[in-house]
C-alpha atoms as a PDB file:
ATOM      1  CA  MET A   1      22.139  17.919  -2.986  1.00  0.00           C
ATOM      2  CA  SER A   2      21.304  15.881  -0.160  1.00  0.00           C
ATOM      3  CA  SER A   3      23.485  15.507   2.899  1.00  0.00           C
ATOM      4  CA  SER A   4      24.688  11.949   4.079  1.00  0.00           C
ATOM      5  CA  LEU A   5      22.242  12.535   7.107  1.00  0.00           C
ATOM      6  CA  THR A   6      19.255  13.063   4.827  1.00  0.00           C
ATOM      7  CA  LYS A   7      20.144  10.043   2.834  1.00  0.00           C
ATOM      8  CA  THR A   8      20.402   7.964   5.954  1.00  0.00           C
ATOM      9  CA  ILE A   9      17.307   9.115   7.598  1.00  0.00           C
ATOM     10  CA  LYS A  10      15.054   9.543   4.622  1.00  0.00           C
ATOM     11  CA  PRO A  11      13.637   5.892   4.500  1.00  0.00           C
ATOM     12  CA  VAL A  12      12.766   6.388   8.341  1.00  0.00           C
ATOM     13  CA  ILE A  13      11.016   9.625   7.393  1.00  0.00           C
ATOM     14  CA  LYS A  14       9.171   8.071   4.511  1.00  0.00           C
ATOM     15  CA  LYS A  15       7.763   5.241   6.702  1.00  0.00           C
ATOM     16  CA  LEU A  16       6.806   7.617   9.343  1.00  0.00           C
ATOM     17  CA  VAL A  17       5.169   9.999   6.871  1.00  0.00           C
ATOM     18  CA  GLU A  18       3.401   6.948   5.326  1.00  0.00           C
ATOM     19  CA  GLU A  19       2.402   4.695   8.478  1.00  0.00           C
ATOM     20  CA  SER A  20       2.724   6.650  11.719  1.00  0.00           C
ATOM     21  CA  TRP A  21       2.250  10.406  11.222  1.00  0.00           C
ATOM     22  CA  LEU A  22      -0.842  10.008   8.943  1.00  0.00           C
ATOM     23  CA  ILE A  23      -0.004  13.365   7.252  1.00  0.00           C
ATOM     24  CA  ARG A  24      -3.088  14.188   5.012  1.00  0.00           C
ATOM     25  CA  GLU A  25      -2.870  16.211   2.069  1.00  0.00           C
ATOM     26  CA  GLY A  26      -2.791  19.933   2.173  1.00  0.00           C
ATOM     27  CA  GLU A  27      -1.744  19.861   5.857  1.00  0.00           C
ATOM     28  CA  ARG A  28       0.947  22.783   6.680  1.00  0.00           C
ATOM     29  CA  ILE A  29       4.197  21.122   8.330  1.00  0.00           C
ATOM     30  CA  LEU A  30       6.407  23.685  10.379  1.00  0.00           C
ATOM     31  CA  ILE A  31       9.597  22.074  11.549  1.00  0.00           C
ATOM     32  CA  VAL A  32      11.212  24.364  14.642  1.00  0.00           C
ATOM     33  CA  SER A  33      14.797  24.271  15.821  1.00  0.00           C
ATOM     34  CA  ASP A  34      16.680  26.951  17.888  1.00  0.00           C
ATOM     35  CA  PHE A  35      20.247  27.948  16.609  1.00  0.00           C
ATOM     36  CA  PRO A  36      23.415  29.471  18.405  1.00  0.00           C
ATOM     37  CA  SER A  37      24.363  32.972  17.513  1.00  0.00           C
ATOM     38  CA  GLY A  38      28.016  34.045  17.070  1.00  0.00           C
ATOM     39  CA  LYS A  39      27.946  35.375  20.832  1.00  0.00           C
ATOM     40  CA  ASP A  40      26.725  31.920  21.711  1.00  0.00           C
ATOM     41  CA  PHE A  41      29.865  30.310  20.131  1.00  0.00           C
ATOM     42  CA  SER A  42      32.259  32.571  22.350  1.00  0.00           C
ATOM     43  CA  SER A  43      30.068  32.351  25.559  1.00  0.00           C
ATOM     44  CA  LYS A  44      28.347  28.941  25.672  1.00  0.00           C
ATOM     45  CA  PRO A  45      29.964  25.557  26.462  1.00  0.00           C
ATOM     46  CA  ALA A  46      30.867  23.683  23.325  1.00  0.00           C
ATOM     47  CA  GLU A  47      28.797  20.618  24.227  1.00  0.00           C
ATOM     48  CA  LEU A  48      25.672  23.195  24.194  1.00  0.00           C
ATOM     49  CA  ILE A  49      26.873  24.549  20.788  1.00  0.00           C
ATOM     50  CA  GLU A  50      27.375  21.105  19.326  1.00  0.00           C
ATOM     51  CA  SER A  51      23.899  20.030  20.508  1.00  0.00           C
ATOM     52  CA  MET A  52      22.222  23.120  18.940  1.00  0.00           C
ATOM     53  CA  VAL A  53      24.049  22.552  15.785  1.00  0.00           C
ATOM     54  CA  ASN A  54      23.490  18.905  15.510  1.00  0.00           C
ATOM     55  CA  ARG A  55      19.712  19.745  15.924  1.00  0.00           C
ATOM     56  CA  ASN A  56      19.925  22.312  13.162  1.00  0.00           C
ATOM     57  CA  ILE A  57      21.330  19.761  10.763  1.00  0.00           C
ATOM     58  CA  LEU A  58      18.628  17.308  11.911  1.00  0.00           C
ATOM     59  CA  ALA A  59      15.866  19.712  11.431  1.00  0.00           C
ATOM     60  CA  LYS A  60      17.156  20.440   7.902  1.00  0.00           C
ATOM     61  CA  SER A  61      17.420  16.919   7.075  1.00  0.00           C
ATOM     62  CA  ILE A  62      13.944  16.253   8.206  1.00  0.00           C
ATOM     63  CA  HIS A  63      12.611  19.156   6.170  1.00  0.00           C
ATOM     64  CA  ASP A  64      14.363  18.043   3.107  1.00  0.00           C
ATOM     65  CA  SER A  65      13.398  14.600   3.559  1.00  0.00           C
ATOM     66  CA  ILE A  66       9.709  15.353   3.718  1.00  0.00           C
ATOM     67  CA  THR A  67       9.793  18.116   0.991  1.00  0.00           C
ATOM     68  CA  ASP A  68      11.160  15.280  -1.268  1.00  0.00           C
ATOM     69  CA  LEU A  69       8.373  12.760  -0.098  1.00  0.00           C
ATOM     70  CA  ILE A  70       5.057  14.879  -0.369  1.00  0.00           C
ATOM     71  CA  PRO A  71       3.700  17.988  -1.913  1.00  0.00           C
ATOM     72  CA  ASN A  72       2.667  19.654   1.313  1.00  0.00           C
ATOM     73  CA  SER A  73       3.887  22.773   2.448  1.00  0.00           C
ATOM     74  CA  VAL A  74       6.948  22.078   4.763  1.00  0.00           C
ATOM     75  CA  GLU A  75       8.541  25.245   6.424  1.00  0.00           C
ATOM     76  CA  LEU A  76      11.756  25.197   8.541  1.00  0.00           C
ATOM     77  CA  TYR A  77      11.968  28.029  11.061  1.00  0.00           C
ATOM     78  CA  PHE A  78      14.953  28.688  13.318  1.00  0.00           C
ATOM     79  CA  MET A  79      14.304  30.632  16.586  1.00  0.00           C
ATOM     80  CA  GLU A  80      16.411  32.167  19.009  1.00  0.00           C
ATOM     81  CA  PRO A  81      17.190  29.841  21.989  1.00  0.00           C
ATOM     82  CA  THR A  82      15.960  30.769  25.423  1.00  0.00           C
ATOM     83  CA  TYR A  83      18.629  28.684  27.391  1.00  0.00           C
ATOM     84  CA  GLU A  84      15.946  28.296  30.082  1.00  0.00           C
ATOM     85  CA  HIS A  85      14.098  24.994  30.233  1.00  0.00           C
ATOM     86  CA  TRP A  86      10.478  25.274  29.656  1.00  0.00           C
ATOM     87  CA  LYS A  87      10.674  28.899  28.982  1.00  0.00           C
ATOM     88  CA  ASN A  88       8.311  29.974  26.272  1.00  0.00           C
ATOM     89  CA  PRO A  89       9.902  32.160  23.701  1.00  0.00           C
ATOM     90  CA  GLU A  90       8.856  35.562  23.270  1.00  0.00           C
ATOM     91  CA  ASP A  91       8.656  35.186  19.175  1.00  0.00           C
ATOM     92  CA  LYS A  92       5.587  36.668  17.949  1.00  0.00           C
ATOM     93  CA  ILE A  93       6.685  35.244  14.373  1.00  0.00           C
ATOM     94  CA  LEU A  94       7.064  31.767  15.642  1.00  0.00           C
ATOM     95  CA  LYS A  95       3.475  31.825  17.400  1.00  0.00           C
ATOM     96  CA  GLU A  96       1.922  33.021  14.182  1.00  0.00           C
ATOM     97  CA  LYS A  97       3.538  30.281  12.257  1.00  0.00           C
ATOM     98  CA  ILE A  98       2.604  27.505  14.904  1.00  0.00           C
ATOM     99  CA  GLU A  99      -0.959  28.847  14.710  1.00  0.00           C
ATOM    100  CA  SER A 100      -1.020  28.495  10.929  1.00  0.00           C
ATOM    101  CA  SER A 101       0.322  25.220  10.885  1.00  0.00           C
ATOM    102  CA  ASN A 102      -1.359  21.738  10.907  1.00  0.00           C
ATOM    103  CA  ILE A 103       1.737  19.802  12.172  1.00  0.00           C
ATOM    104  CA  VAL A 104       4.710  21.167  14.042  1.00  0.00           C
ATOM    105  CA  PHE A 105       7.826  19.381  14.672  1.00  0.00           C
ATOM    106  CA  THR A 106      10.159  21.002  17.322  1.00  0.00           C
ATOM    107  CA  LEU A 107      13.795  20.189  17.945  1.00  0.00           C
ATOM    108  CA  THR A 108      14.415  22.468  20.739  1.00  0.00           C
ATOM    109  CA  GLU A 109      14.566  22.080  24.372  1.00  0.00           C
ATOM    110  CA  TYR A 110      11.980  24.850  25.055  1.00  0.00           C
ATOM    111  CA  PHE A 111       8.537  23.122  24.328  1.00  0.00           C
ATOM    112  CA  ASP A 112       7.027  20.799  26.970  1.00  0.00           C
END
């Protein structure tokens, strides 16, 4: 089942995949987003949590759109937020996933 956001952005993602990103067959795609924990919901400002949740939904919609459009391996990975701009997360699994991917899309605030 597709969300309304996925249905809305799918034509845009299709155009990007076919014309702009030049994704080739066999390339591994990784989509990364940060997520709020239960503790974050009680201790962080609502605006920050809302921003993170919106990024999560967007990341999922991009993942689903790409998966529907091309046969490439597309993985969605959620990392713990660092809450410090420009701070590299200490996430060894993420590092391995990035190193084994050809294309990485990040919907977070930690990458430069």
